[in-house]
Structures are given as structure tokens and as C-alpha cells.
N, C-alpha and C. Protein backbone atom coordinates (compact mmCIF):
# COMPACT_ATOMS: atom_id res chain seq x y z
N UNK A 1 11.93 -11.42 8.74
CA UNK A 1 10.76 -11.58 9.07
C UNK A 1 10.08 -9.99 8.58
N UNK A 2 9.18 -9.91 8.27
CA UNK A 2 8.13 -8.86 8.30
C UNK A 2 7.15 -8.45 9.45
N UNK A 3 7.52 -7.82 10.21
CA UNK A 3 6.70 -7.59 11.38
C UNK A 3 5.91 -6.00 11.51
N UNK A 4 5.01 -5.77 11.46
CA UNK A 4 4.07 -5.45 11.04
C UNK A 4 3.61 -4.35 12.75
N UNK A 5 2.75 -3.64 12.72
CA UNK A 5 2.63 -2.53 14.26
C UNK A 5 1.15 -2.11 14.21
N UNK A 6 0.03 -2.75 14.49
CA UNK A 6 -1.29 -1.29 14.41
C UNK A 6 -0.82 -1.05 15.36
N UNK A 7 -0.39 0.65 15.72
CA UNK A 7 -1.68 1.18 16.40
C UNK A 7 -2.55 2.03 16.91
N UNK A 8 -2.99 1.33 17.79
CA UNK A 8 -4.79 1.58 18.37
C UNK A 8 -4.97 2.78 19.93
N UNK A 9 -6.32 3.48 18.93
CA UNK A 9 -6.65 4.68 19.91
C UNK A 9 -8.25 5.29 19.49
N UNK A 10 -8.55 5.58 19.98
CA UNK A 10 -10.69 6.07 20.38
C UNK A 10 -10.74 7.27 19.98
N UNK A 11 -11.61 7.02 18.71
CA UNK A 11 -12.14 8.81 19.08
C UNK A 11 -13.40 8.96 19.28
N UNK A 12 -14.20 9.62 20.52
CA UNK A 12 -15.42 10.24 20.19
C UNK A 12 -16.24 8.10 20.54
N UNK A 13 -15.62 6.67 21.26
CA UNK A 13 -16.12 5.74 21.49
C UNK A 13 -15.79 5.18 20.08
N UNK A 14 -15.36 5.35 19.34
CA UNK A 14 -14.98 4.31 17.91
C UNK A 14 -13.27 4.52 18.26
N UNK A 15 -12.94 2.42 17.81
CA UNK A 15 -12.29 1.82 18.27
C UNK A 15 -11.21 2.57 16.54
N UNK A 16 -10.68 2.92 16.58
CA UNK A 16 -9.00 2.98 15.09
C UNK A 16 -7.93 2.16 15.33
N UNK A 17 -7.74 2.19 13.94
CA UNK A 17 -6.01 1.09 14.62
C UNK A 17 -5.87 2.15 13.17
N UNK A 18 -4.69 2.32 13.01
CA UNK A 18 -3.52 2.53 12.47
C UNK A 18 -2.29 1.39 11.68
N UNK A 19 -1.84 1.42 10.42
CA UNK A 19 -1.61 0.37 9.49
C UNK A 19 -0.59 1.12 9.26
N UNK A 20 1.00 1.39 9.58
CA UNK A 20 1.89 1.88 8.74
C UNK A 20 2.21 1.26 7.74
N UNK A 21 2.66 1.85 6.58
CA UNK A 21 4.20 1.24 5.35
C UNK A 21 3.79 -0.25 4.56
N UNK A 22 2.01 -0.12 4.09
CA UNK A 22 2.06 -1.50 3.95
C UNK A 22 1.84 -0.31 3.15
N UNK A 23 3.15 -0.86 1.84
CA UNK A 23 2.82 -0.21 0.38
C UNK A 23 2.74 -1.45 -0.45
N UNK A 24 2.08 -1.72 -1.78
CA UNK A 24 1.66 -2.27 -2.72
C UNK A 24 0.07 -2.85 -2.52
N UNK A 25 -0.60 -2.60 -3.90
CA UNK A 25 -1.76 -2.69 -3.71
C UNK A 25 -2.41 -4.49 -3.02
N UNK A 26 -1.34 -6.04 -3.75
CA UNK A 26 -1.55 -6.77 -3.23
C UNK A 26 -1.11 -6.93 -1.21
N UNK A 27 -0.24 -6.02 -0.58
CA UNK A 27 -0.06 -6.59 0.24
C UNK A 27 -1.11 -5.35 1.36
N UNK A 28 -1.32 -4.45 0.63
CA UNK A 28 -2.19 -3.69 1.35
C UNK A 28 -3.82 -4.17 0.67
N UNK A 29 -3.90 -4.79 -0.18
CA UNK A 29 -5.54 -6.16 0.71
C UNK A 29 -5.73 -6.92 0.96
N UNK A 30 -4.07 -7.63 1.22
CA UNK A 30 -3.86 -9.10 2.22
C UNK A 30 -4.43 -8.77 3.32
N UNK A 31 -3.49 -6.80 4.33
CA UNK A 31 -3.93 -6.59 5.39
C UNK A 31 -5.05 -6.54 5.98
N UNK A 32 -5.77 -5.37 4.38
CA UNK A 32 -7.02 -5.58 4.53
C UNK A 32 -8.11 -6.47 5.15
N UNK A 33 -7.94 -7.84 3.89
CA UNK A 33 -8.10 -9.24 4.31
C UNK A 33 -7.90 -9.66 6.15
N UNK A 34 -6.80 -9.70 6.32
CA UNK A 34 -6.42 -9.72 7.86
C UNK A 34 -7.34 -8.24 8.74
N UNK A 35 -7.68 -7.13 8.64
CA UNK A 35 -8.17 -7.19 9.20
C UNK A 35 -9.72 -7.36 8.71
N UNK A 36 -10.38 -6.90 8.75
CA UNK A 36 -11.74 -7.84 8.53
C UNK A 36 -12.30 -9.33 9.21
N UNK A 37 -11.24 -10.41 8.69
CA UNK A 37 -10.95 -10.96 9.22
C UNK A 37 -11.41 -11.11 10.57
N UNK A 38 -10.53 -10.18 11.16
CA UNK A 38 -10.53 -10.11 12.98
C UNK A 38 -11.14 -9.03 13.07
N UNK A 39 -12.34 -9.09 12.65
CA UNK A 39 -13.80 -7.62 13.43
C UNK A 39 -13.92 -7.06 12.22
N UNK A 40 -13.11 -6.18 11.90
CA UNK A 40 -12.68 -4.63 11.45
C UNK A 40 -14.17 -4.29 10.74
N UNK A 41 -14.60 -3.30 10.69
CA UNK A 41 -15.45 -2.35 10.13
C UNK A 41 -15.99 -2.16 8.47
N UNK A 42 -14.35 -0.64 9.18
CA UNK A 42 -14.12 -0.31 8.15
C UNK A 42 -12.74 -0.22 7.44
N UNK A 43 -12.43 -0.19 6.36
CA UNK A 43 -10.52 0.00 6.10
C UNK A 43 -10.78 1.48 4.83
N UNK A 44 -9.55 2.37 5.85
CA UNK A 44 -9.45 3.16 5.10
C UNK A 44 -8.39 4.11 4.51
N UNK A 45 -7.83 3.62 3.14
CA UNK A 45 -6.56 3.77 2.61
C UNK A 45 -5.87 4.95 2.55
N UNK A 46 -5.06 5.50 3.01
CA UNK A 46 -3.79 6.91 2.72
C UNK A 46 -2.89 6.07 1.77
N UNK A 47 -2.94 6.94 0.78
CA UNK A 47 -1.79 6.33 0.19
C UNK A 47 -0.88 6.95 -1.17
N UNK A 48 0.62 6.43 -1.48
CA UNK A 48 0.83 7.38 -2.65
C UNK A 48 0.15 6.93 -4.24
N UNK A 49 -0.01 7.23 -4.98
CA UNK A 49 -0.22 6.74 -5.97
C UNK A 49 0.17 7.67 -7.84
N UNK A 50 0.06 6.76 -8.57
CA UNK A 50 0.49 7.51 -9.62
C UNK A 50 -0.88 8.63 -10.75
N UNK A 51 -0.14 9.88 -10.96
CA UNK A 51 -1.83 10.33 -11.37
C UNK A 51 -1.90 10.91 -13.27
N UNK A 52 -3.17 10.76 -13.01
CA UNK A 52 -3.34 10.79 -14.14
C UNK A 52 -3.05 11.95 -15.47
N UNK A 53 -3.38 13.21 -14.25
CA UNK A 53 -3.68 14.58 -15.06
C UNK A 53 -3.17 15.93 -13.07
N UNK A 54 -2.64 16.71 -13.37
CA UNK A 54 -2.63 17.40 -13.00
C UNK A 54 -4.19 18.21 -12.61
N UNK A 55 -4.11 18.65 -10.95
CA UNK A 55 -5.63 18.67 -10.76
C UNK A 55 -5.48 20.41 -10.71
N UNK A 56 -4.55 20.68 -9.62
CA UNK A 56 -4.50 21.71 -8.48
C UNK A 56 -2.37 21.71 -8.53
N UNK A 57 -2.36 22.84 -7.48
CA UNK A 57 -1.49 22.53 -7.11
C UNK A 57 -0.49 21.95 -5.73
N UNK A 58 -0.19 21.53 -5.33
CA UNK A 58 -0.20 20.48 -4.18
C UNK A 58 0.80 21.61 -3.24
N UNK A 59 -0.01 21.19 -1.53
CA UNK A 59 -0.97 19.82 -1.66
C UNK A 59 -2.12 20.11 -1.81
N UNK A 60 -2.68 18.10 -1.81
CA UNK A 60 -4.33 17.71 -2.43
C UNK A 60 -4.11 16.79 -1.71
N UNK A 61 -5.27 15.57 -1.23
CA UNK A 61 -6.00 14.39 -1.13
C UNK A 61 -6.67 14.09 -2.79
N UNK A 62 -6.50 12.93 -2.58
CA UNK A 62 -7.33 12.42 -3.51
C UNK A 62 -8.08 11.78 -2.78
N UNK A 63 -9.30 12.13 -3.17
CA UNK A 63 -10.92 10.83 -3.02
C UNK A 63 -10.73 10.35 -4.16
N UNK A 64 -10.24 8.35 -4.11
CA UNK A 64 -10.58 8.38 -5.57
C UNK A 64 -11.78 7.79 -6.25
N UNK A 65 -12.04 8.59 -6.80
CA UNK A 65 -13.85 7.43 -7.04
C UNK A 65 -13.80 6.73 -8.56
N UNK A 66 -12.26 6.06 -9.07
CA UNK A 66 -11.87 5.65 -9.97
C UNK A 66 -10.73 4.94 -9.80
N UNK A 67 -10.12 4.26 -10.32
CA UNK A 67 -8.46 3.27 -10.53
C UNK A 67 -8.32 3.25 -11.69
N UNK A 68 -7.58 3.49 -12.80
CA UNK A 68 -7.35 2.03 -13.88
C UNK A 68 -6.11 1.22 -13.77
N UNK A 69 -7.36 0.19 -13.37
CA UNK A 69 -6.50 -1.30 -13.31
C UNK A 69 -5.80 -1.92 -14.37
N UNK A 70 -4.84 -2.95 -14.14
CA UNK A 70 -3.89 -3.89 -14.48
C UNK A 70 -4.24 -5.20 -13.97
N UNK A 71 -3.27 -5.88 -14.66
CA UNK A 71 -3.35 -7.25 -13.90
C UNK A 71 -3.21 -7.73 -12.57
N UNK A 72 -3.44 -7.12 -11.51
CA UNK A 72 -2.85 -6.71 -10.38
C UNK A 72 -3.84 -7.45 -9.89
N UNK A 73 -4.37 -6.87 -7.98
CA UNK A 73 -5.04 -8.21 -7.70
C UNK A 73 -6.68 -7.53 -7.82
N UNK A 74 -7.58 -6.97 -7.79
CA UNK A 74 -8.82 -6.12 -8.23
C UNK A 74 -9.50 -7.08 -9.04
N UNK A 75 -7.84 -8.19 -10.16
CA UNK A 75 -8.85 -9.51 -11.46
C UNK A 75 -8.86 -10.70 -10.45
N UNK A 76 -8.62 -10.57 -9.93
CA UNK A 76 -9.32 -12.02 -8.31
C UNK A 76 -10.46 -10.80 -7.43
N UNK A 77 -11.69 -10.16 -7.85
CA UNK A 77 -12.38 -10.06 -6.77
C UNK A 77 -13.23 -9.60 -7.89
N UNK A 78 -13.42 -8.69 -8.51
CA UNK A 78 -13.97 -8.27 -10.16
C UNK A 78 -14.23 -8.13 -10.73
N UNK A 79 -15.41 -8.16 -11.90
CA UNK A 79 -15.55 -8.71 -13.47
C UNK A 79 -13.93 -7.79 -14.19
N UNK A 80 -13.99 -8.67 -15.42
CA UNK A 80 -12.73 -7.15 -15.97
C UNK A 80 -13.71 -6.00 -16.32
N UNK A 81 -12.29 -5.21 -16.50
CA UNK A 81 -12.76 -3.63 -17.23
C UNK A 81 -11.90 -3.16 -16.81
N UNK A 82 -11.61 -1.99 -17.97
CA UNK A 82 -10.60 -1.45 -17.80
C UNK A 82 -9.96 -0.11 -16.58
N UNK A 83 -11.42 0.16 -15.83
CA UNK A 83 -10.74 0.85 -14.35
C UNK A 83 -11.81 0.41 -13.34
N UNK A 84 -10.84 0.44 -11.71
CA UNK A 84 -12.32 -0.77 -10.69
C UNK A 84 -13.04 0.02 -10.02
N UNK A 85 -14.03 1.43 -10.10
CA UNK A 85 -14.64 2.38 -9.43
C UNK A 85 -15.24 1.82 -7.97
N UNK A 86 -15.08 3.17 -7.27
CA UNK A 86 -15.88 3.50 -5.78
C UNK A 86 -17.40 3.38 -5.79
N UNK A 87 -18.12 2.17 -4.08
CA UNK A 87 -19.33 2.95 -4.58
C UNK A 87 -19.46 3.64 -4.57
N UNK A 88 -20.96 4.76 -5.41
CA UNK A 88 -21.65 5.54 -5.56
C UNK A 88 -22.10 5.91 -3.89
N UNK A 89 -22.78 5.07 -3.27
CA UNK A 89 -23.63 5.47 -2.26
C UNK A 89 -22.21 5.95 -1.43
N UNK A 90 -21.35 5.37 -0.99
CA UNK A 90 -19.93 5.82 -0.59
C UNK A 90 -19.57 7.25 -0.37
N UNK A 91 -19.21 7.25 -1.71
CA UNK A 91 -19.28 9.30 -2.68
C UNK A 91 -19.96 9.63 -1.79
N UNK A 92 -21.16 9.51 -2.36
CA UNK A 92 -22.71 10.03 -1.44
C UNK A 92 -22.70 9.99 -0.95
N UNK A 93 -22.08 9.64 0.53
CA UNK A 93 -21.86 9.49 2.46
C UNK A 93 -20.91 10.02 2.37
N UNK A 94 -19.62 9.99 1.50
CA UNK A 94 -18.56 11.22 2.09
C UNK A 94 -18.84 12.88 1.36
N UNK A 95 -19.26 12.97 0.61
CA UNK A 95 -20.32 14.51 0.40
C UNK A 95 -19.75 15.28 1.05
N UNK A 96 -18.67 15.90 1.54
CA UNK A 96 -19.06 16.96 2.23
C UNK A 96 -18.11 16.77 3.60
N UNK A 97 -17.18 15.31 3.54
CA UNK A 97 -16.61 14.83 4.68
C UNK A 97 -15.20 15.93 5.23
N UNK A 98 -15.21 16.41 3.94
CA UNK A 98 -13.24 16.82 4.00
C UNK A 98 -13.29 18.59 3.84
N UNK A 99 -14.74 18.73 3.68
CA UNK A 99 -14.40 20.45 3.51
C UNK A 99 -14.00 21.00 4.67
N UNK A 100 -13.55 20.91 5.79
CA UNK A 100 -13.38 21.71 6.68
C UNK A 100 -11.53 22.01 6.98
N UNK A 101 -10.71 20.81 5.84
CA UNK A 101 -9.96 20.03 6.31
C UNK A 101 -8.80 21.55 5.76
N UNK A 102 -7.81 22.20 5.87
CA UNK A 102 -7.14 22.44 5.45
C UNK A 102 -5.99 22.54 4.52
N UNK A 103 -6.17 21.35 4.45
CA UNK A 103 -5.64 21.13 2.74
C UNK A 103 -6.70 20.05 2.15
N UNK A 104 -6.88 20.68 0.86
CA UNK A 104 -8.06 19.92 0.19
C UNK A 104 -7.66 18.76 -0.56
N UNK A 105 -9.51 18.25 -0.98
CA UNK A 105 -9.71 16.65 -0.77
C UNK A 105 -10.01 16.89 -2.29
N UNK A 106 -9.77 16.20 -3.57
CA UNK A 106 -10.38 16.99 -4.76
C UNK A 106 -10.63 15.55 -5.35
N UNK A 107 -12.09 15.01 -5.16
CA UNK A 107 -12.35 13.40 -6.22
C UNK A 107 -11.50 13.38 -7.19
N UNK A 108 -11.26 12.54 -7.31
CA UNK A 108 -10.98 11.89 -9.16
C UNK A 108 -10.14 10.50 -9.07
N UNK A 109 -9.62 10.44 -10.84
CA UNK A 109 -8.76 9.01 -11.27
C UNK A 109 -8.57 8.49 -10.99
N UNK A 110 -7.24 8.05 -10.13
CA UNK A 110 -5.92 7.62 -10.18
C UNK A 110 -5.05 6.20 -11.20
């Protein structure tokens, strides 16, 4: 039986939850659906993924603006297409949010 643990904390009066080890897109979507059904307002996924091209020497993070699709979960939620695209409004709201981090954040595709 699989057992997931959620770690909870507060930062600046915002309740945060961390769900480690949500490996695989389908499983991560299942967890996200359960979080939203439980009242969660925002999910931020930090994961590893393939890279389409070298951008810079590691380490760095990628804020994904589009993802190459296959026959995975997104076909249940979105119309067919080669890529799944992040919300332009969300990307605009995140502009500059990572500028002070020690490890760079590069926007790009996966």
C-alpha cells in the first residue's frame, strides 16, 4: 500500500503543504486533483524532466512555459496539440519572482 505524507507549515500567514515523491505526471495530477478537492487554492510542482536543449551549465531550474505532449494525462483535459502551454497571465505574474535566488531560474520548454 502506498502512503503519502503531507508536510504543513505557515509562512507569512499563508498555509503551505509539501507532498514529496509525487513521481510521474498521472500520479502528480491525481494528487493535485485531491488537493484541490480538499480546498487547496494553488499547486506548484517542482520536478525533474527531460530537456529539449542545453540552456546553461547546471545547476538551474526551468520555469516551464510549454511542455511537449504525448498520450499522457493532459489529453483528458485539453484539446489535442503538440505542446501544452502555461497560462500567459500566470507567467506574467511570476516575472521577476525568482530574481533573488542563488540558483538561476530559466523560462523554457520541456
